[in-house]
Protein backbone atom coordinates (compact mmCIF):
# COMPACT_ATOMS: atom_id res chain seq x y z
CA MET A 1 -2.16 -10.10 -15.00
CA PHE A 2 -3.54 -7.01 -13.12
CA ASN A 3 -6.74 -6.51 -15.02
CA THR A 4 -8.87 -7.01 -11.95
CA LEU A 5 -7.48 -3.72 -10.77
CA ILE A 6 -6.78 -1.80 -13.90
CA ASN A 7 -9.96 -1.79 -15.94
CA GLU A 8 -12.55 0.81 -17.12
CA GLN A 9 -14.85 0.29 -14.06
CA ASN A 10 -12.05 0.95 -11.54
CA ILE A 11 -10.57 3.87 -13.52
CA ASN A 12 -14.00 5.48 -13.15
CA LYS A 13 -13.80 4.84 -9.40
CA PHE A 14 -10.29 6.41 -9.36
CA LYS A 15 -11.69 9.46 -11.31
CA SER A 16 -14.57 9.85 -8.83
CA ASN A 17 -12.38 9.29 -5.75
CA THR A 18 -14.58 6.30 -4.73
CA PRO A 19 -12.88 3.84 -2.38
CA PHE A 20 -13.18 0.18 -3.33
CA VAL A 21 -11.98 -3.30 -2.54
CA ILE A 22 -11.05 -6.21 -4.80
CA ARG A 23 -11.32 -9.60 -3.08
CA ALA A 24 -8.92 -12.33 -3.82
CA SER A 25 -7.35 -10.44 -6.63
CA ASN A 26 -5.48 -13.46 -8.13
CA PHE A 27 -2.32 -11.33 -8.03
CA PRO A 28 0.86 -13.48 -7.63
CA ASP A 29 1.63 -14.80 -4.16
CA ILE A 30 4.48 -13.15 -2.27
CA SER A 31 5.72 -15.18 0.64
CA TRP A 32 6.68 -14.21 4.17
CA GLN A 33 10.12 -15.55 3.30
CA THR A 34 10.54 -12.99 0.47
CA VAL A 35 9.52 -10.11 2.77
CA LEU A 36 11.77 -11.33 5.58
CA GLU A 37 14.71 -11.72 3.29
CA ILE A 38 14.34 -8.08 2.26
CA LEU A 39 13.99 -7.03 5.89
CA ASN A 40 17.11 -9.03 6.83
CA TYR A 41 19.06 -7.47 3.88
CA ASP A 42 17.99 -3.98 4.91
CA ILE A 43 18.95 -4.49 8.59
CA LEU A 44 22.31 -5.98 7.72
CA ASN A 45 23.06 -3.15 5.29
CA GLY A 46 21.95 -0.29 7.56
CA ARG A 47 18.98 0.70 5.40
CA PRO A 48 16.10 2.45 7.05
CA THR A 49 13.37 0.05 8.23
CA GLY A 50 10.79 2.47 9.58
CA SER A 51 10.60 0.79 13.01
CA LYS A 52 10.11 4.25 14.75
CA ILE A 53 7.07 4.88 12.49
CA TYR A 54 5.51 1.60 13.71
CA LYS A 55 6.51 2.17 17.32
CA ASP A 56 8.73 -0.92 17.31
CA TYR A 57 6.00 -3.34 16.27
CA GLY A 58 6.67 -3.28 12.55
CA PHE A 59 8.66 -2.14 9.62
CA ARG A 60 8.34 0.04 6.53
CA LEU A 61 10.67 -1.31 3.86
CA ILE A 62 11.25 1.14 0.99
CA GLU A 63 11.76 0.11 -2.57
CA ALA A 64 9.23 -2.73 -2.66
CA THR A 65 9.86 -2.85 -6.41
CA ARG A 66 12.76 -5.12 -5.58
CA ILE A 67 10.08 -7.82 -5.65
CA PRO A 68 9.54 -8.51 -9.42
CA GLU A 69 5.73 -8.84 -9.11
CA VAL A 70 5.55 -5.46 -7.46
CA ARG A 71 7.67 -3.90 -10.19
CA LEU A 72 5.25 -5.30 -12.75
CA LEU A 73 2.23 -3.89 -10.96
CA ALA A 74 3.92 -0.46 -10.45
CA ASP A 75 4.73 -0.32 -14.16
CA GLU A 76 1.06 -1.05 -15.01
CA LEU A 77 -0.21 1.53 -12.55
CA TYR A 78 2.04 4.15 -14.04
CA SER A 79 -0.02 3.77 -17.25
CA VAL A 80 -2.98 5.03 -15.13
CA PHE A 81 -1.39 7.40 -12.59
CA ALA A 82 1.39 9.95 -12.67
CA LYS A 83 4.13 9.78 -10.11
CA SER A 84 3.25 11.64 -6.98
CA PRO A 85 4.38 15.33 -7.20
CA HIS A 86 5.64 14.82 -3.60
CA PHE A 87 8.30 12.49 -5.01
CA GLU A 88 9.05 14.02 -8.42
CA ASP A 89 11.99 16.15 -7.26
CA LEU A 90 13.58 13.20 -5.34
CA ASN A 91 16.27 10.89 -6.60
CA GLU A 92 15.30 7.36 -7.66
CA GLU A 93 16.07 5.81 -4.26
CA ASP A 94 14.01 8.31 -2.38
CA GLN A 95 11.14 7.87 -4.82
CA ALA A 96 11.09 4.28 -3.65
CA HIS A 97 9.32 5.58 -0.50
CA GLN A 98 6.31 5.85 -2.73
CA ILE A 99 5.95 2.06 -3.02
CA TYR A 100 6.90 0.30 0.14
CA ILE A 101 6.29 -2.88 2.17
CA SER A 102 4.31 -2.38 5.33
CA LEU A 103 5.00 -5.17 7.85
CA THR A 104 3.43 -5.26 11.26
CA THR A 105 4.01 -7.92 13.78
CA GLN A 106 1.30 -7.49 16.44
CA ARG A 107 -2.52 -7.53 16.27
CA GLY A 108 -4.07 -4.05 16.42
CA SER A 109 -0.85 -2.34 15.53
CA TYR A 110 -0.51 0.81 13.36
CA ALA A 111 -4.07 2.07 14.13
CA ASP A 112 -3.37 5.82 14.01
CA LYS A 113 -5.77 7.72 11.72
CA HIS A 114 -3.92 9.57 8.98
CA HIS A 115 -4.19 10.75 5.35
CA GLU A 116 -1.98 10.84 2.29
CA PRO A 117 -1.92 13.41 -0.47
CA GLU A 118 -1.71 10.53 -3.02
CA HIS A 119 -4.02 7.95 -4.50
CA VAL A 120 -3.20 4.91 -2.24
CA ILE A 121 -3.49 1.32 -3.39
CA PHE A 122 -2.68 -1.35 -0.79
CA TRP A 123 -2.16 -4.93 -1.68
CA GLN A 124 -2.57 -7.31 1.35
CA ILE A 125 0.05 -9.95 0.67
CA GLN A 126 0.04 -11.89 3.93
CA GLY A 127 -2.12 -11.82 7.06
CA SER A 128 -5.15 -9.72 7.71
CA SER A 129 -5.92 -6.03 8.45
CA THR A 130 -8.95 -3.85 8.86
CA TRP A 131 -9.11 -0.59 6.92
CA THR A 132 -11.46 2.24 7.84
CA ILE A 133 -11.76 4.98 5.21
CA PHE A 134 -13.55 8.15 6.20
CA LYS A 135 -15.64 10.55 4.11
CA ASN A 136 -14.22 13.44 6.08
CA GLU A 137 -12.19 13.60 9.28
CA THR A 138 -14.88 11.91 11.40
CA GLU A 139 -17.60 10.29 9.18
CA VAL A 140 -16.86 6.65 8.21
CA ASP A 141 -17.28 5.77 4.54
CA ILE A 142 -16.21 2.08 4.53
CA VAL A 143 -14.74 -0.49 6.86
CA GLU A 144 -13.15 -3.49 5.18
CA VAL A 145 -11.24 -6.56 6.45
CA LEU A 146 -8.45 -7.35 3.99
CA ASN A 147 -7.04 -10.90 3.70
CA GLN A 148 -4.29 -12.28 1.55
CA GLY A 149 -4.71 -11.10 -2.07
CA ASP A 150 -7.22 -8.34 -1.39
CA ILE A 151 -6.65 -4.87 -2.73
CA ILE A 152 -8.03 -1.58 -1.37
CA TYR A 153 -8.09 1.83 -3.05
CA CYS A 154 -8.05 4.93 -0.76
CA PRO A 155 -8.58 8.25 -2.64
CA PRO A 156 -6.15 11.18 -2.03
CA SER A 157 -6.43 13.13 1.21
CA ARG A 158 -8.97 10.75 2.63
CA TRP A 159 -8.49 9.97 6.28
CA HIS A 160 -8.02 6.27 6.92
CA GLN A 161 -7.03 3.96 9.75
CA VAL A 162 -5.40 0.65 9.52
CA ALA A 163 -5.28 -2.06 12.24
CA ALA A 164 -3.52 -5.45 11.88
CA ASN A 165 -5.80 -8.43 12.71
CA SER A 166 -2.74 -10.65 12.78
CA PRO A 167 0.91 -10.27 11.84
CA ARG A 168 0.55 -8.99 8.32
CA CYS A 169 2.36 -7.37 5.46
CA GLY A 170 1.30 -5.64 2.32
CA ILE A 171 2.49 -3.34 -0.40
CA SER A 172 1.51 0.31 -0.07
CA MET A 173 1.61 2.34 -3.25
CA GLY A 174 1.10 6.09 -3.56
CA PHE A 175 0.44 7.80 -6.92
CA GLY A 176 -0.18 11.28 -8.18
CA SER A 177 -2.92 12.46 -10.51
CA LEU A 178 -4.61 10.25 -13.01
CA ALA A 179 -2.82 10.05 -16.31
CA VAL A 180 -5.88 8.83 -18.23
């Protein structure tokens, strides 16, 4: 199901830390309704929603693997990547921060430049966003507009900036070193 992402060509890009995009990945559709049901559940049950991270214009919903399609993708990616060492010593629920739903409600939101120590794979499941990945802290490598079904790979420790072009949500997945 996920062979457009997990194949020899892309494994070589992971190894060389080369960012890339897969257009219209043919991954399963995940509806707004599914995401909003998770958000509603988390709010009603007092679970963290990350609204402070997104300055009150979005949410970060941990444990995205509650969505069966995300669990399947994560299991496949764990055949390529190790779990992030930043999460190894955490309990299972805290490790869920490694794979989360990013939901932003306003255009242009979440545009702060940042970097992660992990290999980041982002699956745009609804809406649209613009990703800028930098070669170093200032030099742009790629700028890509992601639409529903698109996937982007951002190598570890690479600065990147994300801006919503519309209300959007996606699955952000962070992984440790390559296991292959």
